[in-house]
C-alpha cells in the first residue's frame, strides 16, 4: 500500500500538486470572469429565479427539473470535501488555505457556468430515451476532438472511483467507527446494498433521492455548525483575521501546527477548493445535461449557484467551526496511520523555537532544510520506546505519548527496524497524540460547542448523508461516460464494479484513498479546461443570444398584458 501511495504521490507531483496547476485553474476562471463581465455577480439573482422554474417552458426535453439537476450536482460536490476536505486543507496549509478555497469558488462560479452551458448545448438522447451530456460531447460533436473526448471519458470513470466513490465511503466508515464503534466493513456492506438499490433506477431515481437528501442534510449541518460558531463567538474575529493575514504570507506555527509556506497553503487551498466544488472538473455538467431546458444558458445560470452553496457557504461554516474551536492546532489521541507516519534523525521538541523552525523547513521542503530521515533501530519496552536519537512525526506534527501495541492491545517489547524514516514491522499498531485531519478533525471540532460531546455525532450523520449522496451522483457521471465509450451495454457492468469498489474502500487506508482522488481529479480537469477555452467565442455568443431572446420575450409578455 505504501508503495502504491508513493507512486500516486509522484503522479500528483506532476499534476494537482505541481506549481502550474493552481495557476491554470484560477487563470481560466479569471479569464472567463473578465471575458463574460463577472456573470457570477450580474446573473446571480436571475439564477435563483431560473431555479424556481419561473421561466420554464412546456415540452422542454430532459429527464429532471432545474432543482433536481442542481440537487444531483450538489450531492456530487457537497460531500467529504466540505467536511473532511476543508479540515485537510487547514491541517496542511493553516487558515490561509480557506482563503484560497474562497477564491477558487468565486472564480469557479464562472467556470461552472461555462462548462455546464456548453455541455447542455451538445447533449444527446441515448438509446433508452434519457439525455446524456458532459464535456466529452462538446469535445466530440463541436470540437471534432474525439481523442480528447475519450481521454476525458476514461478519466471520468477513474474519477468516479477516486473522487465520488472511494473517499466518500472511506470517510463515512472512519467517522462511524470513531463515533459509534461500528465496524467499517459493516458500514460499507449496508451502504453498498443501498447504493445499488438507488443507482440501478437511473437518473430519475437518483434525482428523486438526492432532491430530498440535499435540503435535509444541509439544514442539519448548518444547525450543528452554528452551535459551535456561536459558542466560540469570541474567536470568529481572530479566525477571519488569520485567514486574511496569512493568505499571502503562509500560515505561522501555532500549537502543534508547525506552519506552512505561502506556496503550500495556496496549492492546498486551490486543490481542496476544486475537490469541494469541482468547478472546472467537468463533472457537474453531466448532471445538468439531464435538465428540462431548451436554452443551455438557463441551466448554466443555475450551476452558478453550486460553488456558492458548496464552498462559500458550507465550506466556510466548516472552516469557522474548526478555526474558532482551536482544535486544528491541538494534538489529540489517535491511532497512527502508516502513511502519515515518519521518523526523522535527531531529537526535536516543538516547544523549542529553534526546533520548530527546523521542522518547518523539513515539512515544507524548503531549501533551508537540514533534517534527514532516520535509519536504524528503536528499542521498545512494555510499549514505550527507551532509545533516543530520533523523533517520530505523525500528521505533520511531533508525536507525543507514543505507545507500540501488538496482537490486539498487548504492549510490544523488542526492537523495531526503521528504514529511511519508515517502520518496517507490519503488525505493530502505534497510538499516541498528534494533530489529526480530515473528517476526524471536523468531528472533534463539532464537539466544542453548545451541544458538547453530542455535537460530535453531527459529523458522522451529516457525512453519512453528504458522502452517500455524492457516491450516488458520481455513479451517474461514470455511467454517462461509459455510455459515451461503450454504449448502453456497458452500464450494468460498470454499476456492479462501482458498488464493489464502494464496499472495498470502506476498510482501505484513508491516505491512499485521498491520494488517488488527487490524481483522478486533475485527469478530468485539464482536458475540460482546454475544451472550454477553445470554445470561448461560442460561449460569449451563446450568452449574448440568450439575453437577446430573453429580453424580447419579456417585452412581448408586457405588451400582451
Protein backbone atom coordinates (compact mmCIF):
# COMPACT_ATOMS: atom_id res chain seq x y z
CA UNK A 1 0.00 0.00 0.00
CA UNK A 2 2.81 2.38 0.87
CA UNK A 3 4.48 1.75 -2.50
CA UNK A 4 1.21 2.44 -4.33
CA UNK A 5 0.68 5.60 -2.30
CA UNK A 6 4.20 6.81 -3.10
CA UNK A 7 3.63 6.17 -6.81
CA UNK A 8 0.36 8.12 -6.73
CA UNK A 9 2.06 10.94 -4.85
CA UNK A 10 4.71 11.05 -7.57
CA UNK A 11 1.99 11.37 -10.22
CA UNK A 12 0.24 14.02 -8.16
CA UNK A 13 3.52 15.92 -8.05
CA UNK A 14 3.27 16.32 -11.84
CA UNK A 15 -0.48 17.03 -11.76
CA UNK A 16 -2.56 18.59 -8.97
CA UNK A 17 0.33 19.38 -6.63
CA UNK A 18 2.52 20.78 -9.41
CA UNK A 19 3.19 24.52 -9.22
CA UNK A 20 1.47 25.16 -12.57
CA UNK A 21 -1.92 23.58 -11.79
CA UNK A 22 -3.46 26.21 -9.46
CA UNK A 23 -2.47 28.94 -11.89
CA UNK A 24 -4.12 27.15 -14.81
CA UNK A 25 -7.33 26.53 -12.84
CA UNK A 26 -7.56 30.06 -11.47
CA UNK A 27 -6.32 31.53 -14.75
CA UNK A 28 -9.22 30.03 -16.70
CA UNK A 29 -11.65 31.29 -14.05
CA UNK A 30 -10.16 34.79 -14.16
CA UNK A 31 -10.24 34.82 -17.97
CA UNK A 32 -13.92 33.89 -18.25
CA UNK A 33 -14.89 36.16 -15.35
CA UNK A 34 -13.42 39.14 -17.22
CA UNK A 35 -14.37 37.91 -20.70
CA UNK A 36 -18.04 37.46 -19.77
CA UNK A 37 -18.21 40.50 -17.49
CA UNK A 38 -18.47 38.94 -14.00
CA UNK A 39 -21.50 36.70 -14.66
CA UNK A 40 -21.30 35.26 -11.13
CA UNK A 41 -22.31 38.71 -9.86
CA UNK A 42 -24.50 40.08 -12.67
CA UNK A 43 -26.58 36.93 -13.16
CA UNK A 44 -26.70 35.72 -9.55
CA UNK A 45 -30.23 36.94 -8.80
CA UNK A 46 -31.58 35.74 -12.15
CA UNK A 47 -30.12 32.28 -11.49
CA UNK A 48 -32.33 31.85 -8.41
CA UNK A 49 -35.41 32.73 -10.47
CA UNK A 50 -34.49 30.16 -13.12
CA UNK A 51 -34.02 27.58 -10.37
CA UNK A 52 -37.58 28.09 -9.09
CA UNK A 53 -38.96 27.35 -12.56
CA UNK A 54 -40.22 30.88 -13.21
CA UNK A 55 -39.07 30.78 -16.84
CA UNK A 56 -39.73 27.09 -17.60
CA UNK A 57 -41.27 26.18 -20.96
CA UNK A 58 -43.67 23.32 -21.52
CA UNK A 59 -42.42 20.46 -23.64
CA UNK A 60 -38.72 21.10 -22.97
CA UNK A 61 -36.62 17.95 -23.40
CA UNK A 62 -34.94 16.43 -20.39
CA UNK A 63 -35.25 13.99 -17.50
CA UNK A 64 -35.17 16.29 -14.45
CA UNK A 65 -36.24 19.74 -13.28
CA UNK A 66 -33.74 22.56 -12.71
CA UNK A 67 -33.93 21.91 -8.97
CA UNK A 68 -33.41 18.17 -9.33
CA UNK A 69 -30.42 18.70 -11.63
CA UNK A 70 -28.92 21.19 -9.17
CA UNK A 71 -29.59 18.80 -6.27
CA UNK A 72 -27.90 15.94 -8.12
CA UNK A 73 -24.91 18.12 -8.97
CA UNK A 74 -24.78 19.49 -5.41
CA UNK A 75 -24.97 15.99 -3.98
CA UNK A 76 -21.94 15.24 -6.12
CA UNK A 77 -20.00 18.20 -4.70
CA UNK A 78 -21.32 18.58 -1.14
CA UNK A 79 -19.56 15.61 0.41
CA UNK A 80 -16.31 14.79 2.11
CA UNK A 81 -14.76 17.85 0.50
CA UNK A 82 -16.94 20.02 2.73
CA UNK A 83 -16.31 18.03 5.91
CA UNK A 84 -13.02 16.17 5.53
CA UNK A 85 -11.58 18.22 2.67
CA UNK A 86 -11.77 21.58 4.46
CA UNK A 87 -10.21 20.03 7.54
CA UNK A 88 -7.45 18.54 5.41
CA UNK A 89 -6.77 21.91 3.73
CA UNK A 90 -6.48 23.70 7.09
CA UNK A 91 -4.37 20.88 8.51
CA UNK A 92 -1.95 21.19 5.58
CA UNK A 93 -1.94 24.91 4.91
CA UNK A 94 -3.39 26.55 8.00
CA UNK A 95 -6.11 29.26 7.95
CA UNK A 96 -4.70 30.71 4.69
CA UNK A 97 -5.89 27.64 2.80
CA UNK A 98 -9.53 28.64 3.43
CA UNK A 99 -8.95 31.99 1.71
CA UNK A 100 -7.76 30.25 -1.44
CA UNK A 101 -10.76 27.91 -1.30
CA UNK A 102 -12.96 31.03 -1.43
CA UNK A 103 -11.05 32.46 -4.39
CA UNK A 104 -11.35 29.13 -6.19
CA UNK A 105 -15.11 29.09 -5.55
CA UNK A 106 -15.72 32.69 -6.69
CA UNK A 107 -13.89 32.16 -9.95
CA UNK A 108 -15.31 28.65 -10.19
CA UNK A 109 -18.84 30.07 -10.36
CA UNK A 110 -17.98 31.41 -13.81
CA UNK A 111 -16.05 28.31 -14.88
CA UNK A 112 -19.01 26.11 -13.97
CA UNK A 113 -21.38 28.44 -15.83
CA UNK A 114 -19.30 27.96 -18.99
CA UNK A 115 -18.80 24.19 -18.80
CA UNK A 116 -22.45 23.47 -17.98
CA UNK A 117 -23.78 25.72 -20.76
CA UNK A 118 -21.56 24.13 -23.42
CA UNK A 119 -22.23 20.59 -22.21
CA UNK A 120 -26.00 21.13 -22.17
CA UNK A 121 -25.84 22.62 -25.67
CA UNK A 122 -24.27 19.49 -27.16
CA UNK A 123 -26.07 16.79 -25.17
CA UNK A 124 -27.67 13.82 -26.95
CA UNK A 125 -30.58 11.45 -26.40
CA UNK A 126 -29.46 7.87 -25.73
CA UNK A 127 -30.92 4.52 -26.79
CA UNK A 128 -33.12 4.30 -23.68
CA UNK A 129 -34.56 7.80 -24.22
CA UNK A 130 -32.60 9.55 -21.47
CA UNK A 131 -30.31 12.51 -22.02
CA UNK A 132 -26.52 12.23 -21.94
CA UNK A 133 -24.15 15.15 -21.85
CA UNK A 134 -20.89 16.40 -20.49
CA UNK A 135 -17.61 17.78 -21.82
CA UNK A 136 -16.95 14.64 -23.86
CA UNK A 137 -19.91 15.52 -26.09
CA UNK A 138 -18.87 19.07 -26.92
CA UNK A 139 -15.30 17.85 -27.42
CA UNK A 140 -16.58 15.27 -29.90
CA UNK A 141 -19.57 16.96 -31.58
CA UNK A 142 -18.29 20.55 -31.70
CA UNK A 143 -14.50 20.46 -31.50
CA UNK A 144 -14.16 17.22 -33.52
CA UNK A 145 -11.54 16.12 -30.98
CA UNK A 146 -12.73 12.61 -30.26
CA UNK A 147 -9.33 11.70 -28.81
CA UNK A 148 -9.74 14.40 -26.17
CA UNK A 149 -13.31 13.28 -25.50
CA UNK A 150 -12.10 9.71 -24.95
CA UNK A 151 -9.39 10.88 -22.55
CA UNK A 152 -11.98 12.86 -20.58
CA UNK A 153 -14.49 9.99 -20.51
CA UNK A 154 -11.87 7.50 -19.31
CA UNK A 155 -10.72 10.00 -16.67
CA UNK A 156 -14.35 10.44 -15.58
CA UNK A 157 -14.71 6.72 -14.98
CA UNK A 158 -11.46 6.65 -12.98
CA UNK A 159 -12.51 9.77 -11.10
CA UNK A 160 -15.92 8.31 -10.28
CA UNK A 161 -13.98 5.86 -8.10
CA UNK A 162 -11.20 8.19 -6.96
CA UNK A 163 -13.43 11.19 -6.21
CA UNK A 164 -17.05 10.19 -5.80
CA UNK A 165 -16.82 6.63 -4.59
CA UNK A 166 -13.80 5.60 -2.53
CA UNK A 167 -13.09 8.75 -0.45
CA UNK A 168 -16.78 9.06 0.40
CA UNK A 169 -17.34 5.62 1.92
CA UNK A 170 -13.87 5.68 3.46
CA UNK A 171 -14.72 8.84 5.39
CA UNK A 172 -18.17 7.55 6.32
CA UNK A 173 -16.74 4.30 7.69
CA UNK A 174 -13.94 6.08 9.55
CA UNK A 175 -16.36 8.53 11.13
CA UNK A 176 -18.93 5.85 12.07
CA UNK A 177 -16.22 3.72 13.69
CA UNK A 178 -14.82 6.65 15.69
CA UNK A 179 -18.21 7.93 16.89
CA UNK A 180 -20.31 4.78 17.21
CA UNK A 181 -17.82 1.92 17.16
CA UNK A 182 -19.37 0.41 14.01
CA UNK A 183 -17.08 -1.91 12.07
CA UNK A 184 -16.07 -0.27 8.75
CA UNK A 185 -16.84 -3.44 6.82
CA UNK A 186 -20.40 -3.49 8.21
CA UNK A 187 -20.91 0.16 7.29
CA UNK A 188 -19.58 -0.49 3.80
CA UNK A 189 -21.73 -3.56 3.30
CA UNK A 190 -25.02 -1.94 4.29
CA UNK A 191 -24.42 1.24 2.30
CA UNK A 192 -23.22 -0.71 -0.74
CA UNK A 193 -26.59 -2.51 -0.84
CA UNK A 194 -28.47 0.81 -0.53
CA UNK A 195 -26.27 2.35 -3.21
CA UNK A 196 -27.05 -0.49 -5.61
CA UNK A 197 -30.80 -0.08 -4.99
CA UNK A 198 -30.64 3.62 -5.92
CA UNK A 199 -28.32 3.69 -8.93
CA UNK A 200 -29.97 0.79 -10.75
CA UNK A 201 -33.00 3.06 -11.19
CA UNK A 202 -31.02 5.55 -13.28
CA UNK A 203 -31.13 9.35 -13.26
CA UNK A 204 -34.82 9.73 -12.39
CA UNK A 205 -34.47 7.70 -9.21
CA UNK A 206 -31.12 9.33 -8.43
CA UNK A 207 -32.64 12.81 -8.85
CA UNK A 208 -35.65 11.88 -6.70
CA UNK A 209 -33.41 10.67 -3.87
CA UNK A 210 -30.86 13.49 -3.98
CA UNK A 211 -33.50 16.24 -4.17
CA UNK A 212 -34.78 15.01 -0.80
CA UNK A 213 -31.43 14.28 0.86
CA UNK A 214 -29.66 17.55 -0.03
CA UNK A 215 -32.03 20.00 1.78
CA UNK A 216 -32.24 17.81 4.89
CA UNK A 217 -28.52 17.26 5.20
CA UNK A 218 -27.81 20.94 4.57
CA UNK A 219 -30.17 22.08 7.34
CA UNK A 220 -28.78 19.59 9.87
CA UNK A 221 -25.20 20.56 9.16
CA UNK A 222 -25.86 24.31 9.34
CA UNK A 223 -27.60 23.98 12.73
CA UNK A 224 -24.69 21.97 14.10
CA UNK A 225 -22.11 24.40 12.72
CA UNK A 226 -23.79 27.43 14.25
CA UNK A 227 -23.94 25.69 17.62
CA UNK A 228 -20.12 25.69 17.59
CA UNK A 229 -19.64 29.10 15.96
CA UNK A 230 -21.86 30.94 18.47
CA UNK A 231 -20.31 29.04 21.36
CA UNK A 232 -16.87 30.27 20.26
CA UNK A 233 -18.08 33.65 19.02
CA UNK A 234 -15.13 35.49 20.56
CA UNK A 235 -12.80 33.52 18.27
CA UNK A 236 -14.58 34.29 14.99
CA UNK A 237 -12.83 37.65 14.59
CA UNK A 238 -9.35 36.20 15.16
CA UNK A 239 -10.21 33.33 12.81
CA UNK A 240 -11.10 35.68 9.96
CA UNK A 241 -8.01 37.75 10.73
CA UNK A 242 -5.81 34.67 10.44
CA UNK A 243 -7.44 33.68 7.15
CA UNK A 244 -6.75 37.04 5.51
CA UNK A 245 -3.42 37.97 7.10
CA UNK A 246 -1.90 34.58 6.27
CA UNK A 247 -3.29 34.46 2.72
CA UNK A 248 -0.20 35.92 1.03
CA UNK A 249 2.45 35.00 3.56
CA UNK A 250 1.60 31.46 4.58
CA UNK A 251 0.41 30.31 7.99
CA UNK A 252 2.66 30.71 11.02
CA UNK A 253 3.29 27.97 13.57
CA UNK A 254 0.58 27.67 16.23
CA UNK A 255 0.46 24.98 18.89
CA UNK A 256 1.17 21.60 17.32
CA UNK A 257 0.83 23.09 13.83
CA UNK A 258 4.35 23.78 12.59
CA UNK A 259 3.48 26.31 9.87
CA UNK A 260 3.06 26.31 6.10
CA UNK A 261 4.64 28.37 3.33
CA UNK A 262 2.53 30.58 1.07
CA UNK A 263 3.09 28.22 -1.87
CA UNK A 264 1.93 25.23 0.16
CA UNK A 265 -1.16 26.96 1.58
CA UNK A 266 -2.04 28.34 -1.86
CA UNK A 267 -1.68 24.97 -3.58
CA UNK A 268 -3.61 23.04 -0.94
CA UNK A 269 -6.37 25.64 -0.78
CA UNK A 270 -6.89 25.65 -4.55
CA UNK A 271 -6.59 21.86 -4.73
CA UNK A 272 -9.11 21.29 -1.94
CA UNK A 273 -11.36 24.00 -3.35
CA UNK A 274 -11.52 22.09 -6.62
CA UNK A 275 -12.20 18.84 -4.77
CA UNK A 276 -15.05 20.56 -2.93
CA UNK A 277 -16.90 22.41 -5.71
CA UNK A 278 -15.49 20.62 -8.78
CA UNK A 279 -15.64 23.82 -10.87
CA UNK A 280 -13.61 23.17 -14.00
CA UNK A 281 -13.51 19.43 -13.44
CA UNK A 282 -16.35 18.79 -15.87
CA UNK A 283 -18.37 16.53 -13.58
CA UNK A 284 -21.40 18.70 -12.77
CA UNK A 285 -22.18 19.36 -16.47
CA UNK A 286 -23.05 15.67 -16.77
CA UNK A 287 -25.82 16.06 -14.17
CA UNK A 288 -27.06 19.36 -15.58
CA UNK A 289 -27.32 17.86 -19.07
CA UNK A 290 -30.37 15.92 -17.82
CA UNK A 291 -32.34 19.11 -17.02
CA UNK A 292 -35.50 20.03 -18.91
CA UNK A 293 -34.45 23.23 -20.67
CA UNK A 294 -34.38 24.46 -24.25
CA UNK A 295 -31.82 27.20 -23.59
CA UNK A 296 -28.43 25.82 -22.48
CA UNK A 297 -27.57 29.14 -20.83
CA UNK A 298 -30.52 28.84 -18.44
CA UNK A 299 -29.07 25.64 -16.99
CA UNK A 300 -25.63 27.23 -16.93
CA UNK A 301 -27.07 30.02 -14.81
CA UNK A 302 -28.43 27.50 -12.31
CA UNK A 303 -24.97 25.98 -11.99
CA UNK A 304 -23.54 29.33 -10.84
CA UNK A 305 -25.21 28.64 -7.50
CA UNK A 306 -23.28 25.42 -6.92
CA UNK A 307 -19.83 26.74 -5.88
CA UNK A 308 -21.58 29.45 -3.87
CA UNK A 309 -23.63 26.97 -1.83
CA UNK A 310 -20.95 24.31 -1.69
CA UNK A 311 -17.82 26.30 -0.87
CA UNK A 312 -18.67 29.88 0.08
CA UNK A 313 -21.47 28.73 2.42
CA UNK A 314 -20.91 25.14 3.57
CA UNK A 315 -17.09 25.05 3.48
CA UNK A 316 -16.90 28.40 5.26
CA UNK A 317 -19.07 27.07 8.06
CA UNK A 318 -16.81 24.03 8.41
CA UNK A 319 -13.70 26.20 8.34
CA UNK A 320 -15.02 28.56 11.03
CA UNK A 321 -16.02 25.62 13.22
CA UNK A 322 -12.50 24.19 13.00
CA UNK A 323 -10.66 27.50 13.43
CA UNK A 324 -12.83 29.03 16.17
CA UNK A 325 -12.74 25.84 18.26
CA UNK A 326 -8.92 25.81 18.07
CA UNK A 327 -8.72 22.04 17.61
CA UNK A 328 -6.86 22.33 14.28
CA UNK A 329 -3.59 23.19 16.07
CA UNK A 330 -4.04 20.85 19.05
CA UNK A 331 -2.81 17.29 19.41
CA UNK A 332 -5.35 14.54 20.02
CA UNK A 333 -5.17 10.89 20.97
CA UNK A 334 -5.44 8.74 17.83
CA UNK A 335 -4.22 5.58 16.14
CA UNK A 336 -1.40 6.47 13.78
CA UNK A 337 -1.73 5.85 10.05
CA UNK A 338 1.42 4.38 8.49
CA UNK A 339 1.21 6.72 5.51
CA UNK A 340 1.11 9.75 7.85
CA UNK A 341 3.99 8.44 9.96
CA UNK A 342 7.69 9.16 9.51
CA UNK A 343 10.76 9.05 11.74
CA UNK A 344 13.49 11.69 11.43
CA UNK A 345 17.05 11.66 12.74
CA UNK A 346 17.73 13.75 15.87
CA UNK A 347 15.76 14.82 18.92
CA UNK A 348 13.32 17.67 18.30
CA UNK A 349 10.87 19.40 20.63
CA UNK A 350 8.15 21.54 19.05
CA UNK A 351 8.07 23.68 22.20
CA UNK A 352 11.58 24.92 21.35
CA UNK A 353 11.60 27.76 18.81
CA UNK A 354 14.81 26.64 17.07
CA UNK A 355 13.44 23.11 16.66
CA UNK A 356 10.12 24.43 15.34
CA UNK A 357 11.98 26.39 12.66
CA UNK A 358 13.93 23.33 11.54
CA UNK A 359 10.78 21.20 11.46
CA UNK A 360 9.00 23.92 9.45
CA UNK A 361 11.67 23.78 6.75
CA UNK A 362 11.55 19.98 6.71
CA UNK A 363 7.76 19.69 6.42
CA UNK A 364 7.56 22.37 3.73
CA UNK A 365 10.57 21.00 1.80
CA UNK A 366 12.35 24.34 1.66
CA UNK A 367 15.96 24.84 0.55
CA UNK A 368 16.91 25.50 4.18
CA UNK A 369 16.01 22.01 5.36
CA UNK A 370 18.80 20.21 7.27
CA UNK A 371 16.81 17.30 8.70
CA UNK A 372 17.27 13.75 7.38
CA UNK A 373 15.11 10.66 7.69
CA UNK A 374 16.08 8.18 10.39
CA UNK A 375 17.52 4.76 9.60
CA UNK A 376 18.29 2.44 12.48
CA UNK A 377 16.67 0.56 15.36
CA UNK A 378 14.25 1.67 18.07
CA UNK A 379 14.23 -0.31 21.31
CA UNK A 380 10.80 -0.71 22.91
CA UNK A 381 9.95 -2.00 26.39
CA UNK A 382 6.34 -2.53 27.57
CA UNK A 383 5.01 -0.46 24.70
CA UNK A 384 7.27 2.57 25.23
CA UNK A 385 10.45 3.46 23.34
CA UNK A 386 13.55 3.57 25.55
CA UNK A 387 16.11 4.54 22.89
CA UNK A 388 16.68 8.04 21.50
CA UNK A 389 18.37 9.82 18.61
CA UNK A 390 15.18 10.11 16.60
CA UNK A 391 11.86 11.99 16.54
CA UNK A 392 8.58 10.46 15.44
CA UNK A 393 6.32 12.65 13.30
CA UNK A 394 2.71 11.86 12.66
CA UNK A 395 0.32 14.01 10.66
CA UNK A 396 2.95 16.74 10.21
CA UNK A 397 3.44 17.12 13.97
CA UNK A 398 5.76 15.79 16.69
CA UNK A 399 4.09 12.70 18.15
CA UNK A 400 3.74 12.51 21.94
CA UNK A 401 2.93 9.75 24.47
CA UNK A 402 3.63 7.15 21.79
CA UNK A 403 2.75 3.53 22.58
CA UNK A 404 3.54 0.45 20.48
CA UNK A 405 0.92 -2.31 20.55
CA UNK A 406 0.87 -5.80 19.07
CA UNK A 407 -1.70 -8.63 18.97
CA UNK A 408 -4.71 -6.54 19.84
CA UNK A 409 -3.90 -4.46 22.92
CA UNK A 410 -0.69 -6.07 24.22
CA UNK A 411 2.26 -3.68 24.73
CA UNK A 412 5.15 -4.52 22.44
CA UNK A 413 8.65 -5.31 23.70
CA UNK A 414 11.59 -5.69 21.34
CA UNK A 415 13.39 -3.89 18.54
CA UNK A 416 11.82 -2.04 15.63
CA UNK A 417 13.72 -1.51 12.39
CA UNK A 418 13.33 1.92 10.76
CA UNK A 419 14.46 2.27 7.14
CA UNK A 420 14.62 5.76 5.64
CA UNK A 421 12.03 7.04 8.10
CA UNK A 422 9.59 4.17 7.68
CA UNK A 423 8.67 1.48 10.24
CA UNK A 424 9.31 -1.93 8.70
CA UNK A 425 7.33 -4.18 11.07
CA UNK A 426 3.79 -4.50 9.74
CA UNK A 427 1.88 -5.94 12.73
CA UNK A 428 2.60 -3.04 15.10
CA UNK A 429 -0.17 -0.59 15.97
CA UNK A 430 1.04 2.82 17.13
CA UNK A 431 -1.13 5.01 19.36
CA UNK A 432 -0.34 8.49 20.65
CA UNK A 433 -1.09 12.18 20.47
CA UNK A 434 -0.63 14.22 17.29
CA UNK A 435 -2.53 16.52 15.02
CA UNK A 436 -5.45 14.89 13.18
CA UNK A 437 -7.02 15.73 9.85
CA UNK A 438 -9.94 15.03 7.53
CA UNK A 439 -13.30 14.03 8.98
CA UNK A 440 -11.76 13.11 12.35
CA UNK A 441 -10.67 16.74 12.88
CA UNK A 442 -14.09 18.13 11.93
CA UNK A 443 -15.76 15.65 14.28
CA UNK A 444 -13.62 16.81 17.20
CA UNK A 445 -14.35 20.46 16.34
CA UNK A 446 -18.12 19.89 16.42
CA UNK A 447 -17.88 18.63 20.00
CA UNK A 448 -16.56 22.05 21.10
CA UNK A 449 -19.91 23.87 21.05
CA UNK A 450 -23.26 24.20 22.83
CA UNK A 451 -24.06 20.56 22.09
CA UNK A 452 -20.88 19.36 23.82
CA UNK A 453 -19.95 15.76 23.10
CA UNK A 454 -23.28 15.27 21.32
CA UNK A 455 -22.07 17.65 18.62
CA UNK A 456 -19.53 15.07 17.54
CA UNK A 457 -22.36 12.90 16.23
CA UNK A 458 -23.49 15.57 13.77
CA UNK A 459 -20.41 14.90 11.66
CA UNK A 460 -20.88 11.16 11.10
CA UNK A 461 -24.61 11.64 10.48
CA UNK A 462 -24.04 14.56 8.09
CA UNK A 463 -21.12 12.77 6.48
CA UNK A 464 -23.28 9.71 6.01
CA UNK A 465 -25.83 11.74 4.03
CA UNK A 466 -23.34 14.07 2.32
CA UNK A 467 -20.94 11.39 1.20
CA UNK A 468 -23.56 8.78 0.32
CA UNK A 469 -25.38 11.26 -1.91
CA UNK A 470 -22.03 12.13 -3.52
CA UNK A 471 -21.43 8.47 -4.33
CA UNK A 472 -24.90 8.30 -5.89
CA UNK A 473 -24.27 11.33 -8.10
CA UNK A 474 -20.83 10.15 -9.19
CA UNK A 475 -22.22 6.79 -10.22
CA UNK A 476 -24.29 8.71 -12.76
CA UNK A 477 -21.25 10.63 -14.01
CA UNK A 478 -19.34 7.40 -14.60
CA UNK A 479 -22.48 5.87 -16.04
CA UNK A 480 -22.72 8.57 -18.75
CA UNK A 481 -19.02 8.27 -19.55
CA UNK A 482 -19.48 4.52 -20.03
CA UNK A 483 -22.44 5.19 -22.35
CA UNK A 484 -20.26 7.52 -24.43
CA UNK A 485 -17.43 4.99 -24.71
CA UNK A 486 -19.24 1.64 -24.90
CA UNK A 487 -22.95 2.31 -25.32
CA UNK A 488 -25.81 1.22 -23.06
CA UNK A 489 -24.44 -2.34 -22.78
CA UNK A 490 -21.59 -1.17 -20.59
CA UNK A 491 -23.76 0.46 -17.93
CA UNK A 492 -24.68 -2.56 -15.80
CA UNK A 493 -21.12 -4.00 -15.56
CA UNK A 494 -19.91 -0.53 -14.55
CA UNK A 495 -22.55 -0.24 -11.82
CA UNK A 496 -21.60 -3.65 -10.39
CA UNK A 497 -17.90 -2.73 -10.26
CA UNK A 498 -18.80 0.68 -8.79
CA UNK A 499 -20.73 -0.89 -5.92
CA UNK A 500 -17.96 -3.45 -5.30
CA UNK A 501 -15.32 -0.70 -5.17
CA UNK A 502 -17.53 1.26 -2.78
CA UNK A 503 -17.60 -1.67 -0.37
CA UNK A 504 -13.85 -2.40 -0.55
CA UNK A 505 -12.93 1.25 0.07
CA UNK A 506 -14.80 1.24 3.37
CA UNK A 507 -11.87 -0.53 5.05
CA UNK A 508 -8.99 0.72 2.85
CA UNK A 509 -6.23 3.07 4.04
CA UNK A 510 -7.54 6.67 4.28
CA UNK A 511 -4.44 8.41 2.99
CA UNK A 512 -4.14 6.12 -0.03
CA UNK A 513 -7.75 6.83 -1.00
CA UNK A 514 -7.29 10.59 -0.72
CA UNK A 515 -4.09 10.42 -2.78
CA UNK A 516 -5.91 8.54 -5.54
CA UNK A 517 -8.55 11.26 -5.58
CA UNK A 518 -5.89 13.96 -6.11
CA UNK A 519 -4.72 12.27 -9.30
CA UNK A 520 -8.16 11.41 -10.67
CA UNK A 521 -9.50 14.96 -10.34
CA UNK A 522 -6.77 16.51 -12.49
CA UNK A 523 -7.11 13.83 -15.18
CA UNK A 524 -10.59 15.25 -15.82
CA UNK A 525 -9.86 18.91 -15.22
CA UNK A 526 -7.03 19.60 -17.67
CA UNK A 527 -8.86 18.28 -20.80
CA UNK A 528 -12.04 20.12 -19.75
CA UNK A 529 -10.26 23.45 -19.24
CA UNK A 530 -8.63 23.09 -22.66
CA UNK A 531 -12.01 22.42 -24.25
CA UNK A 532 -13.87 25.39 -22.80
CA UNK A 533 -11.01 27.73 -23.68
CA UNK A 534 -11.20 26.60 -27.31
CA UNK A 535 -14.94 27.40 -27.29
CA UNK A 536 -14.65 30.79 -25.56
CA UNK A 537 -16.07 32.78 -28.50
CA UNK A 538 -19.00 30.43 -28.95
CA UNK A 539 -19.75 30.73 -25.23
CA UNK A 540 -19.84 34.51 -25.42
CA UNK A 541 -22.12 34.44 -28.48
CA UNK A 542 -24.43 31.89 -26.82
CA UNK A 543 -24.81 34.06 -23.71
CA UNK A 544 -25.46 37.15 -25.83
CA UNK A 545 -28.14 35.34 -27.85
CA UNK A 546 -29.82 34.09 -24.66
CA UNK A 547 -30.22 37.58 -23.22
CA UNK A 548 -31.46 38.98 -26.53
CA UNK A 549 -34.14 36.28 -26.72
CA UNK A 550 -34.98 36.68 -23.03
CA UNK A 551 -35.41 40.46 -23.31
CA UNK A 552 -37.53 40.02 -26.42
CA UNK A 553 -39.82 37.54 -24.67
CA UNK A 554 -40.14 39.77 -21.62
CA UNK A 555 -41.08 42.74 -23.82
CA UNK A 556 -43.62 40.64 -25.72
CA UNK A 557 -45.13 39.43 -22.43
CA UNK A 558 -45.51 43.02 -21.19
CA UNK A 559 -47.17 44.10 -24.45
CA UNK A 560 -49.67 41.24 -24.23
CA UNK A 561 -50.55 42.20 -20.67
